[in-house]
Amino acid sequence: MRVIVNGEAQDCAAQTLADLLTALDYEGDWLATAVNGDLVHREERADWPLKAGDRVEILAPMQGG
């Protein structure tokens, strides 16, 4: 299935948002995620189904000064 991740089309076999994060090597509770503009809390990721064409945004904090 093809989804849009941070503005780039990607083919994936992930069924849930949690599966996608694992496949893309994103780990940690500190991530912010949204699907089609809806904020998805970490407790919901394992149950949040993905479908073709979904727009996924993944944000990770950066350190700096």
N, C-alpha and C. Protein backbone atom coordinates (compact mmCIF):
# COMPACT_ATOMS: atom_id res chain seq x y z
N MET A 1 0.85 -1.16 0.00
CA MET A 1 0.00 0.00 0.00
C MET A 1 0.90 1.22 0.00
N ARG A 2 0.41 2.30 -0.58
CA ARG A 2 1.18 3.54 -0.65
C ARG A 2 0.57 4.57 0.30
N VAL A 3 1.41 5.13 1.16
CA VAL A 3 1.01 6.20 2.07
C VAL A 3 1.99 7.36 1.89
N ILE A 4 1.61 8.51 2.37
CA ILE A 4 2.46 9.69 2.31
C ILE A 4 3.01 9.92 3.71
N VAL A 5 4.33 9.86 3.85
CA VAL A 5 4.97 10.04 5.15
C VAL A 5 5.81 11.31 5.09
N ASN A 6 5.46 12.28 5.91
CA ASN A 6 6.15 13.57 5.94
C ASN A 6 6.32 14.14 4.54
N GLY A 7 5.26 14.04 3.74
CA GLY A 7 5.25 14.63 2.42
C GLY A 7 5.81 13.79 1.30
N GLU A 8 6.32 12.59 1.59
CA GLU A 8 6.90 11.73 0.57
C GLU A 8 6.13 10.42 0.48
N ALA A 9 5.80 10.03 -0.75
CA ALA A 9 5.08 8.77 -0.97
C ALA A 9 5.99 7.59 -0.66
N GLN A 10 5.45 6.61 0.05
CA GLN A 10 6.20 5.41 0.39
C GLN A 10 5.29 4.20 0.29
N ASP A 11 5.85 3.11 -0.22
CA ASP A 11 5.14 1.85 -0.23
C ASP A 11 5.45 1.13 1.08
N CYS A 12 4.43 0.55 1.68
CA CYS A 12 4.64 -0.16 2.94
C CYS A 12 3.63 -1.28 3.08
N ALA A 13 3.96 -2.22 3.94
CA ALA A 13 3.06 -3.33 4.23
C ALA A 13 2.40 -3.16 5.60
N ALA A 14 2.64 -2.03 6.25
CA ALA A 14 2.14 -1.79 7.60
C ALA A 14 0.61 -1.75 7.62
N GLN A 15 0.03 -2.37 8.63
CA GLN A 15 -1.42 -2.36 8.80
C GLN A 15 -1.86 -1.28 9.79
N THR A 16 -0.96 -0.92 10.73
CA THR A 16 -1.28 0.08 11.73
C THR A 16 -0.18 1.13 11.77
N LEU A 17 -0.47 2.23 12.44
CA LEU A 17 0.53 3.29 12.58
C LEU A 17 1.75 2.77 13.34
N ALA A 18 1.54 1.96 14.36
CA ALA A 18 2.65 1.39 15.12
C ALA A 18 3.54 0.53 14.22
N ASP A 19 2.93 -0.27 13.33
CA ASP A 19 3.70 -1.08 12.38
C ASP A 19 4.55 -0.20 11.47
N LEU A 20 3.99 0.90 11.00
CA LEU A 20 4.72 1.82 10.13
C LEU A 20 5.91 2.43 10.85
N LEU A 21 5.70 2.87 12.09
CA LEU A 21 6.79 3.46 12.87
C LEU A 21 7.92 2.45 13.06
N THR A 22 7.58 1.21 13.33
CA THR A 22 8.59 0.17 13.49
C THR A 22 9.33 -0.06 12.18
N ALA A 23 8.60 -0.14 11.07
CA ALA A 23 9.22 -0.37 9.77
C ALA A 23 10.17 0.76 9.37
N LEU A 24 9.86 1.97 9.81
CA LEU A 24 10.70 3.13 9.48
C LEU A 24 11.76 3.40 10.54
N ASP A 25 11.90 2.51 11.52
CA ASP A 25 12.88 2.62 12.60
C ASP A 25 12.68 3.84 13.49
N TYR A 26 11.43 4.24 13.67
CA TYR A 26 11.11 5.28 14.65
C TYR A 26 10.76 4.58 15.95
N GLU A 27 11.43 4.97 17.01
CA GLU A 27 11.16 4.38 18.32
C GLU A 27 11.05 5.48 19.36
N GLY A 28 10.36 5.19 20.41
CA GLY A 28 10.29 6.11 21.53
C GLY A 28 8.91 6.70 21.72
N ASP A 29 8.65 7.05 22.95
CA ASP A 29 7.37 7.65 23.31
C ASP A 29 7.34 9.14 23.01
N TRP A 30 8.45 9.71 22.65
CA TRP A 30 8.57 11.15 22.46
C TRP A 30 8.14 11.61 21.07
N LEU A 31 7.72 10.71 20.22
CA LEU A 31 7.28 11.08 18.88
C LEU A 31 5.88 11.70 18.92
N ALA A 32 5.65 12.64 18.02
CA ALA A 32 4.31 13.16 17.79
C ALA A 32 3.87 12.62 16.43
N THR A 33 2.66 12.08 16.35
CA THR A 33 2.18 11.50 15.10
C THR A 33 0.78 12.02 14.77
N ALA A 34 0.53 12.14 13.47
CA ALA A 34 -0.79 12.53 12.99
C ALA A 34 -1.07 11.75 11.71
N VAL A 35 -2.32 11.40 11.51
CA VAL A 35 -2.76 10.74 10.28
C VAL A 35 -3.91 11.57 9.72
N ASN A 36 -3.72 12.03 8.49
CA ASN A 36 -4.72 12.87 7.83
C ASN A 36 -5.14 14.06 8.68
N GLY A 37 -4.16 14.63 9.39
CA GLY A 37 -4.41 15.81 10.20
C GLY A 37 -4.94 15.53 11.59
N ASP A 38 -5.23 14.28 11.92
CA ASP A 38 -5.71 13.93 13.25
C ASP A 38 -4.54 13.47 14.12
N LEU A 39 -4.35 14.13 15.25
CA LEU A 39 -3.31 13.74 16.19
C LEU A 39 -3.59 12.33 16.70
N VAL A 40 -2.56 11.48 16.69
CA VAL A 40 -2.71 10.11 17.18
C VAL A 40 -1.80 9.94 18.39
N HIS A 41 -2.40 9.77 19.55
CA HIS A 41 -1.63 9.60 20.78
C HIS A 41 -0.96 8.24 20.79
N ARG A 42 0.14 8.13 21.50
CA ARG A 42 0.93 6.89 21.48
C ARG A 42 0.11 5.68 21.91
N GLU A 43 -0.87 5.87 22.79
CA GLU A 43 -1.70 4.75 23.24
C GLU A 43 -2.60 4.22 22.11
N GLU A 44 -2.84 5.03 21.09
CA GLU A 44 -3.74 4.65 20.00
C GLU A 44 -3.01 4.08 18.79
N ARG A 45 -1.69 4.22 18.72
CA ARG A 45 -0.94 3.86 17.51
C ARG A 45 -1.09 2.39 17.11
N ALA A 46 -1.10 1.49 18.07
CA ALA A 46 -1.19 0.06 17.76
C ALA A 46 -2.55 -0.31 17.17
N ASP A 47 -3.57 0.49 17.47
CA ASP A 47 -4.92 0.20 16.99
C ASP A 47 -5.35 1.10 15.83
N TRP A 48 -4.48 2.04 15.42
CA TRP A 48 -4.85 3.00 14.37
C TRP A 48 -4.58 2.38 13.01
N PRO A 49 -5.61 1.99 12.27
CA PRO A 49 -5.41 1.34 10.97
C PRO A 49 -4.96 2.34 9.91
N LEU A 50 -4.09 1.89 9.04
CA LEU A 50 -3.68 2.70 7.89
C LEU A 50 -4.37 2.19 6.65
N LYS A 51 -4.64 3.11 5.73
CA LYS A 51 -5.20 2.71 4.44
C LYS A 51 -4.47 3.48 3.34
N ALA A 52 -4.53 2.97 2.15
CA ALA A 52 -3.83 3.58 1.02
C ALA A 52 -4.20 5.06 0.90
N GLY A 53 -3.19 5.87 0.69
CA GLY A 53 -3.40 7.30 0.52
C GLY A 53 -3.36 8.11 1.79
N ASP A 54 -3.28 7.46 2.97
CA ASP A 54 -3.20 8.20 4.22
C ASP A 54 -1.97 9.10 4.23
N ARG A 55 -2.13 10.28 4.84
CA ARG A 55 -1.03 11.22 5.01
C ARG A 55 -0.59 11.15 6.47
N VAL A 56 0.63 10.66 6.68
CA VAL A 56 1.17 10.47 8.02
C VAL A 56 2.26 11.52 8.27
N GLU A 57 2.17 12.17 9.39
CA GLU A 57 3.21 13.11 9.82
C GLU A 57 3.84 12.56 11.09
N ILE A 58 5.18 12.52 11.08
CA ILE A 58 5.93 12.04 12.23
C ILE A 58 6.90 13.14 12.62
N LEU A 59 6.79 13.60 13.85
CA LEU A 59 7.66 14.66 14.33
C LEU A 59 8.47 14.15 15.52
N ALA A 60 9.76 14.44 15.48
CA ALA A 60 10.65 14.08 16.58
C ALA A 60 11.35 15.34 17.05
N PRO A 61 11.48 15.50 18.37
CA PRO A 61 12.17 16.69 18.87
C PRO A 61 13.65 16.65 18.52
N MET A 62 14.21 17.84 18.37
CA MET A 62 15.65 17.96 18.08
C MET A 62 16.29 18.76 19.19
N GLN A 63 17.51 18.42 19.51
CA GLN A 63 18.24 19.19 20.49
C GLN A 63 19.05 20.26 19.77
N GLY A 64 19.28 21.31 20.44
CA GLY A 64 20.08 22.37 19.83
C GLY A 64 20.13 23.57 20.76
N GLY A 65 20.81 24.55 20.32
CA GLY A 65 20.94 25.70 21.20
C GLY A 65 20.81 26.99 20.54
